[in-house]
All heavy atoms as atom14 arrays in JSON, in Angstrom:
{
  "sequence": "VIKAMKSAQKEKKLPSFNIPEIFIGVPERENHGDYSTNIAILIGKKL",
  "atom14_mask": [
    [1, 1, 1, 1, 1, 1, 1, 0, 0, 0, 0, 0, 0, 0],
    [1, 1, 1, 1, 1, 1, 1, 1, 0, 0, 0, 0, 0, 0],
    [1, 1, 1, 1, 1, 1, 1, 1, 1, 0, 0, 0, 0, 0],
    [1, 1, 1, 1, 1, 0, 0, 0, 0, 0, 0, 0, 0, 0],
    [1, 1, 1, 1, 1, 1, 1, 1, 0, 0, 0, 0, 0, 0],
    [1, 1, 1, 1, 1, 1, 1, 1, 1, 0, 0, 0, 0, 0],
    [1, 1, 1, 1, 1, 1, 0, 0, 0, 0, 0, 0, 0, 0],
    [1, 1, 1, 1, 1, 0, 0, 0, 0, 0, 0, 0, 0, 0],
    [1, 1, 1, 1, 1, 1, 1, 1, 1, 0, 0, 0, 0, 0],
    [1, 1, 1, 1, 1, 1, 1, 1, 1, 0, 0, 0, 0, 0],
    [1, 1, 1, 1, 1, 1, 1, 1, 1, 0, 0, 0, 0, 0],
    [1, 1, 1, 1, 1, 1, 1, 1, 1, 0, 0, 0, 0, 0],
    [1, 1, 1, 1, 1, 1, 1, 1, 1, 0, 0, 0, 0, 0],
    [1, 1, 1, 1, 1, 1, 1, 1, 0, 0, 0, 0, 0, 0],
    [1, 1, 1, 1, 1, 1, 1, 0, 0, 0, 0, 0, 0, 0],
    [1, 1, 1, 1, 1, 1, 0, 0, 0, 0, 0, 0, 0, 0],
    [1, 1, 1, 1, 1, 1, 1, 1, 1, 1, 1, 0, 0, 0],
    [1, 1, 1, 1, 1, 1, 1, 1, 0, 0, 0, 0, 0, 0],
    [1, 1, 1, 1, 1, 1, 1, 1, 0, 0, 0, 0, 0, 0],
    [1, 1, 1, 1, 1, 1, 1, 0, 0, 0, 0, 0, 0, 0],
    [1, 1, 1, 1, 1, 1, 1, 1, 1, 0, 0, 0, 0, 0],
    [1, 1, 1, 1, 1, 1, 1, 1, 0, 0, 0, 0, 0, 0],
    [1, 1, 1, 1, 1, 1, 1, 1, 1, 1, 1, 0, 0, 0],
    [1, 1, 1, 1, 1, 1, 1, 1, 0, 0, 0, 0, 0, 0],
    [1, 1, 1, 1, 0, 0, 0, 0, 0, 0, 0, 0, 0, 0],
    [1, 1, 1, 1, 1, 1, 1, 0, 0, 0, 0, 0, 0, 0],
    [1, 1, 1, 1, 1, 1, 1, 0, 0, 0, 0, 0, 0, 0],
    [1, 1, 1, 1, 1, 1, 1, 1, 1, 0, 0, 0, 0, 0],
    [1, 1, 1, 1, 1, 1, 1, 1, 1, 1, 1, 0, 0, 0],
    [1, 1, 1, 1, 1, 1, 1, 1, 1, 0, 0, 0, 0, 0],
    [1, 1, 1, 1, 1, 1, 1, 1, 0, 0, 0, 0, 0, 0],
    [1, 1, 1, 1, 1, 1, 1, 1, 1, 1, 0, 0, 0, 0],
    [1, 1, 1, 1, 0, 0, 0, 0, 0, 0, 0, 0, 0, 0],
    [1, 1, 1, 1, 1, 1, 1, 1, 0, 0, 0, 0, 0, 0],
    [1, 1, 1, 1, 1, 1, 1, 1, 1, 1, 1, 1, 0, 0],
    [1, 1, 1, 1, 1, 1, 0, 0, 0, 0, 0, 0, 0, 0],
    [1, 1, 1, 1, 1, 1, 1, 0, 0, 0, 0, 0, 0, 0],
    [1, 1, 1, 1, 1, 1, 1, 1, 0, 0, 0, 0, 0, 0],
    [1, 1, 1, 1, 1, 1, 1, 1, 0, 0, 0, 0, 0, 0],
    [1, 1, 1, 1, 1, 0, 0, 0, 0, 0, 0, 0, 0, 0],
    [1, 1, 1, 1, 1, 1, 1, 1, 0, 0, 0, 0, 0, 0],
    [1, 1, 1, 1, 1, 1, 1, 1, 0, 0, 0, 0, 0, 0],
    [1, 1, 1, 1, 1, 1, 1, 1, 0, 0, 0, 0, 0, 0],
    [1, 1, 1, 1, 0, 0, 0, 0, 0, 0, 0, 0, 0, 0],
    [1, 1, 1, 1, 1, 1, 1, 1, 1, 0, 0, 0, 0, 0],
    [1, 1, 1, 1, 1, 1, 1, 1, 1, 0, 0, 0, 0, 0],
    [1, 1, 1, 1, 1, 1, 1, 1, 0, 0, 0, 0, 0, 0]
  ],
  "atom14_positions": [
    [[58.36, 17.4, -4.84], [59.43, 16.49, -4.24], [58.97, 15.09, -4.47], [59.8, 14.24, -4.7], [59.57, 16.88, -2.77], [60.43, 15.96, -2.07], [60.2, 18.32, -2.57], [0.0, 0.0, 0.0], [0.0, 0.0, 0.0], [0.0, 0.0, 0.0], [0.0, 0.0, 0.0], [0.0, 0.0, 0.0], [0.0, 0.0, 0.0], [0.0, 0.0, 0.0]],
    [[57.63, 14.83, -4.3], [57.09, 13.44, -4.37], [57.38, 12.9, -5.78], [57.76, 11.8, -6.05], [55.68, 13.39, -4.02], [55.53, 13.61, -2.51], [55.06, 11.93, -4.47], [54.01, 13.7, -2.05], [0.0, 0.0, 0.0], [0.0, 0.0, 0.0], [0.0, 0.0, 0.0], [0.0, 0.0, 0.0], [0.0, 0.0, 0.0], [0.0, 0.0, 0.0]],
    [[57.11, 13.85, -6.71], [57.29, 13.45, -8.11], [58.83, 13.15, -8.44], [59.16, 12.17, -9.18], [56.83, 14.56, -9.12], [55.35, 14.64, -9.23], [54.97, 15.8, -10.23], [53.4, 15.9, -10.42], [53.15, 16.92, -11.37], [0.0, 0.0, 0.0], [0.0, 0.0, 0.0], [0.0, 0.0, 0.0], [0.0, 0.0, 0.0], [0.0, 0.0, 0.0]],
    [[59.71, 13.92, -7.86], [61.16, 13.68, -7.99], [61.61, 12.45, -7.42], [62.38, 11.7, -7.96], [61.94, 14.86, -7.33], [0.0, 0.0, 0.0], [0.0, 0.0, 0.0], [0.0, 0.0, 0.0], [0.0, 0.0, 0.0], [0.0, 0.0, 0.0], [0.0, 0.0, 0.0], [0.0, 0.0, 0.0], [0.0, 0.0, 0.0], [0.0, 0.0, 0.0]],
    [[60.98, 12.01, -6.14], [61.39, 10.76, -5.61], [60.91, 9.6, -6.51], [61.55, 8.55, -6.76], [60.67, 10.7, -4.19], [61.54, 11.32, -3.06], [60.8, 10.87, -1.61], [59.83, 12.38, -1.22], [0.0, 0.0, 0.0], [0.0, 0.0, 0.0], [0.0, 0.0, 0.0], [0.0, 0.0, 0.0], [0.0, 0.0, 0.0], [0.0, 0.0, 0.0]],
    [[59.62, 9.68, -6.94], [59.06, 8.56, -7.9], [59.92, 8.46, -9.13], [60.19, 7.35, -9.62], [57.65, 8.93, -8.18], [56.77, 8.72, -6.93], [55.2, 8.91, -7.22], [54.33, 8.63, -5.96], [52.94, 8.89, -6.26], [0.0, 0.0, 0.0], [0.0, 0.0, 0.0], [0.0, 0.0, 0.0], [0.0, 0.0, 0.0], [0.0, 0.0, 0.0]],
    [[60.29, 9.62, -9.66], [61.18, 9.48, -10.82], [62.53, 8.89, -10.57], [62.94, 8.07, -11.41], [61.39, 10.96, -11.43], [62.3, 11.01, -12.42], [0.0, 0.0, 0.0], [0.0, 0.0, 0.0], [0.0, 0.0, 0.0], [0.0, 0.0, 0.0], [0.0, 0.0, 0.0], [0.0, 0.0, 0.0], [0.0, 0.0, 0.0], [0.0, 0.0, 0.0]],
    [[63.08, 9.28, -9.45], [64.37, 8.71, -9.13], [64.25, 7.2, -8.74], [65.14, 6.34, -9.19], [64.93, 9.3, -7.83], [0.0, 0.0, 0.0], [0.0, 0.0, 0.0], [0.0, 0.0, 0.0], [0.0, 0.0, 0.0], [0.0, 0.0, 0.0], [0.0, 0.0, 0.0], [0.0, 0.0, 0.0], [0.0, 0.0, 0.0], [0.0, 0.0, 0.0]],
    [[63.11, 6.79, -8.25], [62.94, 5.35, -8.14], [62.69, 4.58, -9.32], [63.14, 3.51, -9.48], [61.59, 5.16, -7.13], [61.85, 5.56, -5.67], [60.66, 5.53, -4.84], [59.53, 5.67, -5.32], [60.75, 5.23, -3.49], [0.0, 0.0, 0.0], [0.0, 0.0, 0.0], [0.0, 0.0, 0.0], [0.0, 0.0, 0.0], [0.0, 0.0, 0.0]],
    [[61.99, 5.25, -10.19], [61.74, 4.6, -11.52], [63.01, 4.36, -12.29], [63.19, 3.37, -13.04], [60.82, 5.53, -12.38], [60.3, 4.86, -13.67], [59.27, 5.82, -14.36], [58.79, 5.19, -15.66], [57.76, 6.04, -16.32], [0.0, 0.0, 0.0], [0.0, 0.0, 0.0], [0.0, 0.0, 0.0], [0.0, 0.0, 0.0], [0.0, 0.0, 0.0]],
    [[63.96, 5.34, -12.13], [65.23, 5.24, -12.87], [66.27, 4.46, -12.06], [67.46, 4.45, -12.41], [65.73, 6.6, -13.21], [64.92, 7.34, -14.19], [65.36, 8.61, -14.61], [66.72, 8.89, -14.45], [64.79, 9.43, -15.36], [0.0, 0.0, 0.0], [0.0, 0.0, 0.0], [0.0, 0.0, 0.0], [0.0, 0.0, 0.0], [0.0, 0.0, 0.0]],
    [[65.79, 3.84, -10.89], [66.64, 3.06, -10.07], [67.79, 3.89, -9.41], [68.81, 3.29, -8.9], [67.32, 1.88, -10.85], [66.35, 1.09, -11.59], [65.32, 0.3, -10.78], [64.48, -0.58, -11.47], [63.34, -1.3, -10.7], [0.0, 0.0, 0.0], [0.0, 0.0, 0.0], [0.0, 0.0, 0.0], [0.0, 0.0, 0.0], [0.0, 0.0, 0.0]],
    [[67.52, 5.21, -9.37], [68.57, 6.03, -8.59], [68.39, 5.83, -7.08], [69.33, 6.09, -6.24], [68.46, 7.4, -9.0], [68.8, 7.72, -10.52], [70.27, 7.68, -10.73], [70.57, 7.9, -12.12], [70.37, 9.32, -12.49], [0.0, 0.0, 0.0], [0.0, 0.0, 0.0], [0.0, 0.0, 0.0], [0.0, 0.0, 0.0], [0.0, 0.0, 0.0]],
    [[67.12, 5.55, -6.68], [66.69, 5.32, -5.31], [65.83, 4.02, -5.34], [65.13, 3.71, -6.22], [65.9, 6.43, -4.69], [66.58, 7.8, -4.48], [65.57, 8.8, -4.08], [67.61, 7.68, -3.47], [0.0, 0.0, 0.0], [0.0, 0.0, 0.0], [0.0, 0.0, 0.0], [0.0, 0.0, 0.0], [0.0, 0.0, 0.0], [0.0, 0.0, 0.0]],
    [[65.98, 3.18, -4.31], [65.32, 1.99, -4.19], [63.74, 2.28, -3.75], [63.41, 3.47, -3.4], [65.9, 1.25, -2.96], [66.41, 2.3, -2.11], [67.0, 3.46, -3.09], [0.0, 0.0, 0.0], [0.0, 0.0, 0.0], [0.0, 0.0, 0.0], [0.0, 0.0, 0.0], [0.0, 0.0, 0.0], [0.0, 0.0, 0.0], [0.0, 0.0, 0.0]],
    [[62.95, 1.34, -3.99], [61.53, 1.53, -3.61], [61.39, 1.6, -2.08], [61.97, 0.8, -1.33], [60.73, 0.46, -4.21], [59.36, 0.57, -3.95], [0.0, 0.0, 0.0], [0.0, 0.0, 0.0], [0.0, 0.0, 0.0], [0.0, 0.0, 0.0], [0.0, 0.0, 0.0], [0.0, 0.0, 0.0], [0.0, 0.0, 0.0], [0.0, 0.0, 0.0]],
    [[60.59, 2.52, -1.52], [60.31, 2.58, -0.2], [58.99, 3.49, -0.02], [58.49, 4.24, -0.95], [61.45, 3.29, 0.55], [61.86, 4.69, -0.04], [61.19, 5.91, 0.49], [62.86, 4.78, -0.97], [61.55, 7.1, 0.1], [63.16, 6.02, -1.45], [62.52, 7.23, -0.91], [0.0, 0.0, 0.0], [0.0, 0.0, 0.0], [0.0, 0.0, 0.0]],
    [[58.36, 3.37, 1.14], [57.21, 4.14, 1.47], [57.75, 5.65, 1.71], [58.6, 5.87, 2.49], [56.47, 3.67, 2.61], [55.87, 2.27, 2.37], [55.45, 2.08, 1.27], [55.74, 1.38, 3.43], [0.0, 0.0, 0.0], [0.0, 0.0, 0.0], [0.0, 0.0, 0.0], [0.0, 0.0, 0.0], [0.0, 0.0, 0.0], [0.0, 0.0, 0.0]],
    [[57.16, 6.45, 0.97], [57.51, 7.97, 1.11], [57.0, 8.62, 2.53], [55.89, 8.46, 2.75], [56.93, 8.72, -0.01], [57.51, 8.21, -1.3], [57.25, 10.25, 0.09], [56.86, 8.88, -2.59], [0.0, 0.0, 0.0], [0.0, 0.0, 0.0], [0.0, 0.0, 0.0], [0.0, 0.0, 0.0], [0.0, 0.0, 0.0], [0.0, 0.0, 0.0]],
    [[58.07, 8.93, 3.22], [57.63, 9.62, 4.57], [56.9, 10.96, 4.46], [56.95, 11.59, 3.32], [58.94, 9.72, 5.28], [59.94, 9.91, 4.21], [59.48, 9.13, 3.05], [0.0, 0.0, 0.0], [0.0, 0.0, 0.0], [0.0, 0.0, 0.0], [0.0, 0.0, 0.0], [0.0, 0.0, 0.0], [0.0, 0.0, 0.0], [0.0, 0.0, 0.0]],
    [[56.4, 11.44, 5.54], [55.8, 12.72, 5.57], [56.75, 13.86, 5.23], [57.93, 13.88, 5.71], [55.22, 13.12, 6.96], [54.58, 14.41, 7.12], [53.24, 14.5, 6.24], [52.68, 13.53, 6.04], [52.91, 15.67, 6.06], [0.0, 0.0, 0.0], [0.0, 0.0, 0.0], [0.0, 0.0, 0.0], [0.0, 0.0, 0.0], [0.0, 0.0, 0.0]],
    [[56.46, 14.76, 4.3], [57.36, 15.75, 3.77], [56.96, 17.0, 4.49], [55.93, 17.53, 4.38], [57.28, 15.91, 2.3], [57.7, 14.61, 1.68], [58.17, 17.03, 1.73], [57.47, 14.59, 0.08], [0.0, 0.0, 0.0], [0.0, 0.0, 0.0], [0.0, 0.0, 0.0], [0.0, 0.0, 0.0], [0.0, 0.0, 0.0], [0.0, 0.0, 0.0]],
    [[58.06, 17.59, 5.13], [57.84, 18.85, 5.86], [58.54, 19.88, 5.09], [59.78, 19.87, 4.78], [58.4, 18.9, 7.34], [58.21, 20.21, 8.03], [57.03, 20.61, 8.43], [59.42, 20.94, 8.17], [56.9, 21.89, 9.1], [59.32, 22.09, 8.82], [58.1, 22.62, 9.23], [0.0, 0.0, 0.0], [0.0, 0.0, 0.0], [0.0, 0.0, 0.0]],
    [[57.81, 20.98, 4.63], [58.39, 22.17, 3.92], [58.42, 23.24, 4.93], [57.3, 23.75, 5.39], [57.61, 22.53, 2.69], [57.48, 21.29, 1.81], [58.27, 23.69, 2.06], [58.71, 20.96, 1.11], [0.0, 0.0, 0.0], [0.0, 0.0, 0.0], [0.0, 0.0, 0.0], [0.0, 0.0, 0.0], [0.0, 0.0, 0.0], [0.0, 0.0, 0.0]],
    [[59.57, 23.85, 5.33], [59.65, 24.94, 6.21], [60.19, 26.12, 5.64], [60.66, 26.17, 4.47], [0.0, 0.0, 0.0], [0.0, 0.0, 0.0], [0.0, 0.0, 0.0], [0.0, 0.0, 0.0], [0.0, 0.0, 0.0], [0.0, 0.0, 0.0], [0.0, 0.0, 0.0], [0.0, 0.0, 0.0], [0.0, 0.0, 0.0], [0.0, 0.0, 0.0]],
    [[60.2, 27.24, 6.47], [60.81, 28.49, 6.06], [62.09, 28.63, 6.81], [62.13, 28.73, 8.04], [59.81, 29.7, 6.34], [60.52, 30.99, 5.94], [58.61, 29.57, 5.61], [0.0, 0.0, 0.0], [0.0, 0.0, 0.0], [0.0, 0.0, 0.0], [0.0, 0.0, 0.0], [0.0, 0.0, 0.0], [0.0, 0.0, 0.0], [0.0, 0.0, 0.0]],
    [[63.21, 28.68, 6.17], [64.59, 28.83, 6.84], [64.7, 30.14, 7.57], [64.1, 31.11, 7.22], [65.61, 28.75, 5.65], [64.85, 28.12, 4.54], [63.45, 28.58, 4.7], [0.0, 0.0, 0.0], [0.0, 0.0, 0.0], [0.0, 0.0, 0.0], [0.0, 0.0, 0.0], [0.0, 0.0, 0.0], [0.0, 0.0, 0.0], [0.0, 0.0, 0.0]],
    [[65.46, 30.09, 8.69], [65.73, 31.33, 9.44], [66.54, 32.3, 8.7], [66.45, 33.51, 8.82], [66.35, 30.93, 10.75], [65.39, 30.13, 11.8], [66.05, 29.8, 13.07], [67.13, 30.32, 13.36], [65.3, 29.09, 13.85], [0.0, 0.0, 0.0], [0.0, 0.0, 0.0], [0.0, 0.0, 0.0], [0.0, 0.0, 0.0], [0.0, 0.0, 0.0]],
    [[67.48, 31.74, 7.99], [68.42, 32.63, 7.17], [67.98, 32.74, 5.68], [67.57, 31.76, 4.97], [69.84, 32.1, 7.15], [70.39, 32.0, 8.56], [71.78, 31.49, 8.56], [72.4, 31.33, 9.86], [73.61, 30.8, 10.12], [74.37, 30.35, 9.12], [74.06, 30.7, 11.3], [0.0, 0.0, 0.0], [0.0, 0.0, 0.0], [0.0, 0.0, 0.0]],
    [[67.94, 34.0, 5.13], [67.5, 34.17, 3.8], [68.32, 33.43, 2.73], [67.91, 33.02, 1.68], [67.57, 35.71, 3.47], [66.46, 36.53, 4.25], [66.44, 37.97, 3.74], [67.05, 38.28, 2.85], [65.76, 38.78, 4.47], [0.0, 0.0, 0.0], [0.0, 0.0, 0.0], [0.0, 0.0, 0.0], [0.0, 0.0, 0.0], [0.0, 0.0, 0.0]],
    [[69.64, 33.29, 3.12], [70.55, 32.56, 2.06], [70.32, 31.2, 2.08], [70.89, 30.45, 1.34], [72.07, 32.97, 2.38], [72.5, 32.42, 3.78], [71.63, 32.16, 4.64], [73.85, 32.31, 3.88], [0.0, 0.0, 0.0], [0.0, 0.0, 0.0], [0.0, 0.0, 0.0], [0.0, 0.0, 0.0], [0.0, 0.0, 0.0], [0.0, 0.0, 0.0]],
    [[69.39, 30.63, 2.81], [69.03, 29.19, 2.76], [67.78, 29.02, 2.01], [67.14, 27.85, 2.1], [68.98, 28.61, 4.24], [70.23, 28.49, 4.96], [70.36, 28.16, 6.24], [71.51, 28.56, 4.51], [71.56, 28.02, 6.61], [72.35, 28.34, 5.53], [0.0, 0.0, 0.0], [0.0, 0.0, 0.0], [0.0, 0.0, 0.0], [0.0, 0.0, 0.0]],
    [[67.28, 30.08, 1.38], [66.12, 29.86, 0.4], [64.82, 30.44, 1.02], [64.76, 30.93, 2.23], [0.0, 0.0, 0.0], [0.0, 0.0, 0.0], [0.0, 0.0, 0.0], [0.0, 0.0, 0.0], [0.0, 0.0, 0.0], [0.0, 0.0, 0.0], [0.0, 0.0, 0.0], [0.0, 0.0, 0.0], [0.0, 0.0, 0.0], [0.0, 0.0, 0.0]],
    [[63.76, 30.5, 0.24], [62.44, 30.84, 0.66], [61.74, 29.77, 1.42], [61.04, 29.94, 2.34], [61.58, 31.26, -0.56], [62.13, 32.47, -1.3], [62.48, 33.52, -0.54], [62.28, 32.41, -2.54], [0.0, 0.0, 0.0], [0.0, 0.0, 0.0], [0.0, 0.0, 0.0], [0.0, 0.0, 0.0], [0.0, 0.0, 0.0], [0.0, 0.0, 0.0]],
    [[62.09, 28.48, 0.94], [61.57, 27.28, 1.66], [62.67, 26.27, 1.81], [63.74, 26.3, 1.0], [60.5, 26.64, 0.87], [59.17, 27.57, 0.76], [58.81, 28.17, -0.37], [58.3, 27.66, 1.88], [57.69, 28.98, -0.57], [57.26, 28.42, 1.69], [56.92, 29.01, 0.56], [55.8, 29.8, 0.44], [0.0, 0.0, 0.0], [0.0, 0.0, 0.0]],
    [[62.53, 25.31, 2.62], [63.54, 24.2, 2.68], [62.92, 23.03, 3.23], [61.83, 23.0, 3.9], [64.6, 24.67, 3.69], [65.61, 23.75, 3.81], [0.0, 0.0, 0.0], [0.0, 0.0, 0.0], [0.0, 0.0, 0.0], [0.0, 0.0, 0.0], [0.0, 0.0, 0.0], [0.0, 0.0, 0.0], [0.0, 0.0, 0.0], [0.0, 0.0, 0.0]],
    [[63.49, 21.82, 2.86], [63.04, 20.61, 3.37], [64.22, 19.68, 3.85], [65.22, 19.7, 3.2], [62.18, 19.77, 2.34], [61.71, 18.55, 2.91], [62.87, 19.63, 1.07], [0.0, 0.0, 0.0], [0.0, 0.0, 0.0], [0.0, 0.0, 0.0], [0.0, 0.0, 0.0], [0.0, 0.0, 0.0], [0.0, 0.0, 0.0], [0.0, 0.0, 0.0]],
    [[63.89, 18.86, 4.84], [64.95, 17.87, 5.31], [64.63, 16.5, 4.84], [65.14, 15.48, 5.47], [65.03, 17.91, 6.83], [63.74, 17.54, 7.47], [62.7, 17.3, 6.79], [63.81, 17.12, 8.78], [0.0, 0.0, 0.0], [0.0, 0.0, 0.0], [0.0, 0.0, 0.0], [0.0, 0.0, 0.0], [0.0, 0.0, 0.0], [0.0, 0.0, 0.0]],
    [[63.79, 16.35, 3.95], [63.35, 15.03, 3.53], [64.45, 14.1, 3.11], [64.49, 12.86, 3.35], [62.25, 15.02, 2.36], [61.73, 13.72, 2.0], [62.92, 15.72, 1.11], [60.85, 13.14, 3.17], [0.0, 0.0, 0.0], [0.0, 0.0, 0.0], [0.0, 0.0, 0.0], [0.0, 0.0, 0.0], [0.0, 0.0, 0.0], [0.0, 0.0, 0.0]],
    [[65.48, 14.69, 2.56], [66.69, 13.8, 2.07], [67.41, 13.27, 3.32], [67.89, 12.12, 3.31], [67.66, 14.64, 1.28], [0.0, 0.0, 0.0], [0.0, 0.0, 0.0], [0.0, 0.0, 0.0], [0.0, 0.0, 0.0], [0.0, 0.0, 0.0], [0.0, 0.0, 0.0], [0.0, 0.0, 0.0], [0.0, 0.0, 0.0], [0.0, 0.0, 0.0]],
    [[67.41, 13.94, 4.44], [68.0, 13.44, 5.61], [67.15, 12.26, 6.26], [67.74, 11.25, 6.64], [68.06, 14.55, 6.62], [69.03, 15.64, 6.17], [68.62, 14.14, 7.99], [69.11, 16.89, 7.08], [0.0, 0.0, 0.0], [0.0, 0.0, 0.0], [0.0, 0.0, 0.0], [0.0, 0.0, 0.0], [0.0, 0.0, 0.0], [0.0, 0.0, 0.0]],
    [[65.82, 12.44, 6.12], [64.97, 11.38, 6.7], [65.15, 10.04, 5.77], [65.17, 9.03, 6.29], [63.52, 11.84, 6.6], [63.24, 12.98, 7.48], [61.64, 13.37, 7.37], [63.5, 12.69, 8.99], [0.0, 0.0, 0.0], [0.0, 0.0, 0.0], [0.0, 0.0, 0.0], [0.0, 0.0, 0.0], [0.0, 0.0, 0.0], [0.0, 0.0, 0.0]],
    [[65.17, 10.32, 4.5], [65.29, 9.22, 3.51], [66.76, 8.54, 3.78], [66.8, 7.24, 3.75], [65.16, 9.64, 2.05], [63.6, 10.06, 1.81], [65.44, 8.48, 1.1], [63.41, 10.69, 0.46], [0.0, 0.0, 0.0], [0.0, 0.0, 0.0], [0.0, 0.0, 0.0], [0.0, 0.0, 0.0], [0.0, 0.0, 0.0], [0.0, 0.0, 0.0]],
    [[67.84, 9.29, 3.92], [69.15, 8.86, 4.17], [69.11, 7.97, 5.29], [69.76, 6.86, 5.33], [0.0, 0.0, 0.0], [0.0, 0.0, 0.0], [0.0, 0.0, 0.0], [0.0, 0.0, 0.0], [0.0, 0.0, 0.0], [0.0, 0.0, 0.0], [0.0, 0.0, 0.0], [0.0, 0.0, 0.0], [0.0, 0.0, 0.0], [0.0, 0.0, 0.0]],
    [[68.52, 8.36, 6.4], [68.54, 7.52, 7.63], [67.72, 6.19, 7.42], [68.08, 5.15, 7.77], [67.81, 8.21, 8.75], [68.69, 9.42, 9.38], [68.0, 10.13, 10.55], [68.89, 11.18, 11.08], [68.22, 11.99, 12.12], [0.0, 0.0, 0.0], [0.0, 0.0, 0.0], [0.0, 0.0, 0.0], [0.0, 0.0, 0.0], [0.0, 0.0, 0.0]],
    [[66.69, 6.38, 6.51], [65.77, 5.16, 6.4], [66.58, 4.15, 5.51], [66.4, 2.9, 5.74], [64.58, 5.6, 5.53], [63.5, 4.65, 5.43], [62.26, 5.15, 4.63], [61.12, 4.17, 4.51], [60.37, 4.04, 5.71], [0.0, 0.0, 0.0], [0.0, 0.0, 0.0], [0.0, 0.0, 0.0], [0.0, 0.0, 0.0], [0.0, 0.0, 0.0]],
    [[67.28, 4.68, 4.47], [68.03, 3.74, 3.55], [69.39, 3.48, 4.0], [70.17, 2.75, 3.24], [67.93, 4.3, 2.11], [66.57, 4.67, 1.6], [66.69, 5.26, 0.14], [65.77, 3.39, 1.45], [0.0, 0.0, 0.0], [0.0, 0.0, 0.0], [0.0, 0.0, 0.0], [0.0, 0.0, 0.0], [0.0, 0.0, 0.0], [0.0, 0.0, 0.0]]
  ]
}
């Protein structure tokens, strides 16, 4: 995820910002994946 963020910043798809703490969780529902993260929500609020 961090590599993806840095790549997006390098290509100007996202502005430069301090990367917040990334939490990887296990969704309660199987159809939501083996793992999930809300990092895009945190970044969206920040930006």
